[in-house]
Each structure stands twice: as C-alpha cells, then as structure tokens.
Amino acid sequence: MLNNSHLSQMLIRYVRMSFQEDKVTDFLSVFEESKEKIRAMKGCQYLELMQDLHQPAVFMTHSHWLSEEDLNAYRDSELFRATWARTKVLFADKPLAFSMESVIVV
C-alpha cells in the first residue's frame, strides 16, 4: 500500500493535431517560435512535440503542468491566444485534447 507522503500529482496534457499536409512546415515554425515561451509559463514542467510515425501531418504535444490552474492560466494567456490563432488555421481536422492526472511514486 502506498503512503500519500510518497505521492505527488501532476496534470499531463496531450493535444493531437492533424494538419493540412502543405501546412506542416508552417506549424513547425509556429511551434519553434513559441516552445520556450510556453515552457517558461508558470507551472509548465515539460513540453515536447511528437510526430506520428506513419502519418507525418499528425502531431501531438505532451506537456506537464503543476496544476489545472496553471494550465488554465496558460490557456487564458495572450501567448496561447496568439499561438492558437496561428495554429488552428493550419488544421485538417479538429484537434483532440486530453488532460490526465498522474500519480507518481517518488
């Protein structure tokens, strides 16, 4: 049985995005310009971009946040609004977002 003093919780966010094939380079430019700013947001502990092995126009962001409040503060920020406005026009399909809570034995 785990003792609660050995647990820490973190919100893990996945966002799956499908892009128009001719817009992938545009998206990668947007991500490159914004990634360090996102990583610097309060509560962001980790951010990576993954590309589907067999569908090169499909990407997924994977980020770790200290709390849902921190994620929501980012989502309410001017940085998110500006980045999302540049990104969403490149989509081929509606993005899918998942927020998961991690319980990590430390």
C-alpha atoms as a PDB file:
ATOM      1  CA  MET A   1       0.000   0.000   0.000  1.00  0.00           C
ATOM      2  CA  LEU A   2       1.295   3.457  -0.908  1.00  0.00           C
ATOM      3  CA  ASN A   3       1.651   6.154   1.680  1.00  0.00           C
ATOM      4  CA  ASN A   4       0.350   9.549   0.479  1.00  0.00           C
ATOM      5  CA  SER A   5       3.584  11.215   1.603  1.00  0.00           C
ATOM      6  CA  HIS A   6       5.296   9.369  -1.272  1.00  0.00           C
ATOM      7  CA  LEU A   7       2.962  10.705  -3.969  1.00  0.00           C
ATOM      8  CA  SER A   8       2.967  13.880  -5.988  1.00  0.00           C
ATOM      9  CA  GLN A   9       0.364  14.778  -8.555  1.00  0.00           C
ATOM     10  CA  MET A  10       0.793  16.481 -11.873  1.00  0.00           C
ATOM     11  CA  LEU A  11      -1.519  17.272 -14.756  1.00  0.00           C
ATOM     12  CA  ILE A  12      -0.387  15.788 -18.057  1.00  0.00           C
ATOM     13  CA  ARG A  13      -1.851  17.301 -21.210  1.00  0.00           C
ATOM     14  CA  TYR A  14      -1.900  15.723 -24.666  1.00  0.00           C
ATOM     15  CA  VAL A  15      -3.169  17.564 -27.725  1.00  0.00           C
ATOM     16  CA  ARG A  16      -3.395  15.625 -31.014  1.00  0.00           C
ATOM     17  CA  MET A  17      -3.431  17.805 -34.106  1.00  0.00           C
ATOM     18  CA  SER A  18      -3.862  16.865 -37.778  1.00  0.00           C
ATOM     19  CA  PHE A  19      -2.547  19.413 -40.234  1.00  0.00           C
ATOM     20  CA  GLN A  20      -3.045  20.065 -43.907  1.00  0.00           C
ATOM     21  CA  GLU A  21      -0.035  18.382 -45.489  1.00  0.00           C
ATOM     22  CA  ASP A  22       1.177  21.587 -47.110  1.00  0.00           C
ATOM     23  CA  LYS A  23       0.948  23.439 -43.759  1.00  0.00           C
ATOM     24  CA  VAL A  24       3.225  21.196 -41.652  1.00  0.00           C
ATOM     25  CA  THR A  25       6.249  23.452 -42.155  1.00  0.00           C
ATOM     26  CA  ASP A  26       4.162  26.467 -41.102  1.00  0.00           C
ATOM     27  CA  PHE A  27       3.090  24.672 -37.915  1.00  0.00           C
ATOM     28  CA  LEU A  28       6.664  23.670 -37.091  1.00  0.00           C
ATOM     29  CA  SER A  29       7.692  27.324 -37.405  1.00  0.00           C
ATOM     30  CA  VAL A  30       4.924  28.396 -35.015  1.00  0.00           C
ATOM     31  CA  PHE A  31       5.927  25.716 -32.513  1.00  0.00           C
ATOM     32  CA  GLU A  32       9.615  26.630 -32.759  1.00  0.00           C
ATOM     33  CA  GLU A  33       8.802  30.298 -32.088  1.00  0.00           C
ATOM     34  CA  SER A  34       6.584  29.577 -29.076  1.00  0.00           C
ATOM     35  CA  LYS A  35       8.012  26.489 -27.346  1.00  0.00           C
ATOM     36  CA  GLU A  36      10.394  28.276 -24.965  1.00  0.00           C
ATOM     37  CA  LYS A  37       7.735  30.840 -24.053  1.00  0.00           C
ATOM     38  CA  ILE A  38       5.316  28.012 -23.229  1.00  0.00           C
ATOM     39  CA  ARG A  39       7.985  26.213 -21.192  1.00  0.00           C
ATOM     40  CA  ALA A  40       8.519  29.448 -19.249  1.00  0.00           C
ATOM     41  CA  MET A  41       4.845  29.714 -18.243  1.00  0.00           C
ATOM     42  CA  LYS A  42       4.145  29.305 -14.533  1.00  0.00           C
ATOM     43  CA  GLY A  43       3.608  25.648 -13.723  1.00  0.00           C
ATOM     44  CA  CYS A  44       4.881  24.198 -17.019  1.00  0.00           C
ATOM     45  CA  GLN A  45       7.375  21.492 -16.167  1.00  0.00           C
ATOM     46  CA  TYR A  46       7.779  19.806 -19.547  1.00  0.00           C
ATOM     47  CA  LEU A  47       6.818  20.255 -23.189  1.00  0.00           C
ATOM     48  CA  GLU A  48       7.541  18.077 -26.189  1.00  0.00           C
ATOM     49  CA  LEU A  49       6.239  17.737 -29.714  1.00  0.00           C
ATOM     50  CA  MET A  50       5.812  14.286 -31.233  1.00  0.00           C
ATOM     51  CA  GLN A  51       5.101  13.364 -34.859  1.00  0.00           C
ATOM     52  CA  ASP A  52       3.093  10.302 -35.865  1.00  0.00           C
ATOM     53  CA  LEU A  53       5.345   7.602 -37.271  1.00  0.00           C
ATOM     54  CA  HIS A  54       3.052   6.770 -40.194  1.00  0.00           C
ATOM     55  CA  GLN A  55       1.073   9.997 -40.654  1.00  0.00           C
ATOM     56  CA  PRO A  56       3.617  12.830 -40.938  1.00  0.00           C
ATOM     57  CA  ALA A  57       0.943  15.560 -40.833  1.00  0.00           C
ATOM     58  CA  VAL A  58      -0.247  14.383 -37.382  1.00  0.00           C
ATOM     59  CA  PHE A  59       1.455  15.766 -34.284  1.00  0.00           C
ATOM     60  CA  MET A  60       0.872  15.573 -30.558  1.00  0.00           C
ATOM     61  CA  THR A  61       2.042  17.908 -27.848  1.00  0.00           C
ATOM     62  CA  HIS A  62       2.767  16.381 -24.460  1.00  0.00           C
ATOM     63  CA  SER A  63       3.107  18.763 -21.536  1.00  0.00           C
ATOM     64  CA  HIS A  64       3.294  18.516 -17.752  1.00  0.00           C
ATOM     65  CA  TRP A  65       1.712  21.143 -15.504  1.00  0.00           C
ATOM     66  CA  LEU A  66       1.878  21.517 -11.740  1.00  0.00           C
ATOM     67  CA  SER A  67      -1.873  22.114 -11.598  1.00  0.00           C
ATOM     68  CA  GLU A  68      -5.008  22.559 -13.654  1.00  0.00           C
ATOM     69  CA  GLU A  69      -4.977  26.204 -12.575  1.00  0.00           C
ATOM     70  CA  ASP A  70      -1.551  26.658 -14.176  1.00  0.00           C
ATOM     71  CA  LEU A  71      -2.728  25.028 -17.417  1.00  0.00           C
ATOM     72  CA  ASN A  72      -5.856  27.190 -17.441  1.00  0.00           C
ATOM     73  CA  ALA A  73      -3.791  30.336 -16.799  1.00  0.00           C
ATOM     74  CA  TYR A  74      -1.701  29.456 -19.864  1.00  0.00           C
ATOM     75  CA  ARG A  75      -4.840  28.735 -21.902  1.00  0.00           C
ATOM     76  CA  ASP A  76      -6.207  32.169 -20.864  1.00  0.00           C
ATOM     77  CA  SER A  77      -2.949  33.955 -21.755  1.00  0.00           C
ATOM     78  CA  GLU A  78      -2.189  36.185 -24.716  1.00  0.00           C
ATOM     79  CA  LEU A  79       0.595  33.744 -25.645  1.00  0.00           C
ATOM     80  CA  PHE A  80      -1.901  30.904 -26.046  1.00  0.00           C
ATOM     81  CA  ARG A  81      -4.432  33.059 -27.933  1.00  0.00           C
ATOM     82  CA  ALA A  82      -1.803  34.276 -30.394  1.00  0.00           C
ATOM     83  CA  THR A  83      -0.211  30.852 -30.870  1.00  0.00           C
ATOM     84  CA  TRP A  84      -3.559  29.063 -31.219  1.00  0.00           C
ATOM     85  CA  ALA A  85      -4.821  31.632 -33.730  1.00  0.00           C
ATOM     86  CA  ARG A  86      -1.793  30.943 -35.941  1.00  0.00           C
ATOM     87  CA  THR A  87      -2.101  27.165 -35.460  1.00  0.00           C
ATOM     88  CA  LYS A  88      -5.807  26.454 -35.883  1.00  0.00           C
ATOM     89  CA  VAL A  89      -5.948  27.808 -39.439  1.00  0.00           C
ATOM     90  CA  LEU A  90      -3.491  25.046 -40.426  1.00  0.00           C
ATOM     91  CA  PHE A  91      -5.638  22.130 -39.209  1.00  0.00           C
ATOM     92  CA  ALA A  92      -7.008  19.434 -41.469  1.00  0.00           C
ATOM     93  CA  ASP A  93      -9.256  18.099 -38.687  1.00  0.00           C
ATOM     94  CA  LYS A  94     -10.495  19.064 -35.243  1.00  0.00           C
ATOM     95  CA  PRO A  95      -7.776  18.673 -32.574  1.00  0.00           C
ATOM     96  CA  LEU A  96      -8.259  16.285 -29.660  1.00  0.00           C
ATOM     97  CA  ALA A  97      -7.137  17.285 -26.163  1.00  0.00           C
ATOM     98  CA  PHE A  98      -6.749  15.080 -23.112  1.00  0.00           C
ATOM     99  CA  SER A  99      -5.941  16.122 -19.560  1.00  0.00           C
ATOM    100  CA  MET A 100      -4.706  13.322 -17.369  1.00  0.00           C
ATOM    101  CA  GLU A 101      -3.685  13.293 -13.735  1.00  0.00           C
ATOM    102  CA  SER A 102      -0.513  11.460 -12.925  1.00  0.00           C
ATOM    103  CA  VAL A 103       0.276   9.902  -9.594  1.00  0.00           C
ATOM    104  CA  ILE A 104       3.983   9.335  -9.393  1.00  0.00           C
ATOM    105  CA  VAL A 105       5.824   7.348  -6.762  1.00  0.00           C
ATOM    106  CA  VAL A 106       8.801   9.499  -5.751  1.00  0.00           C
END
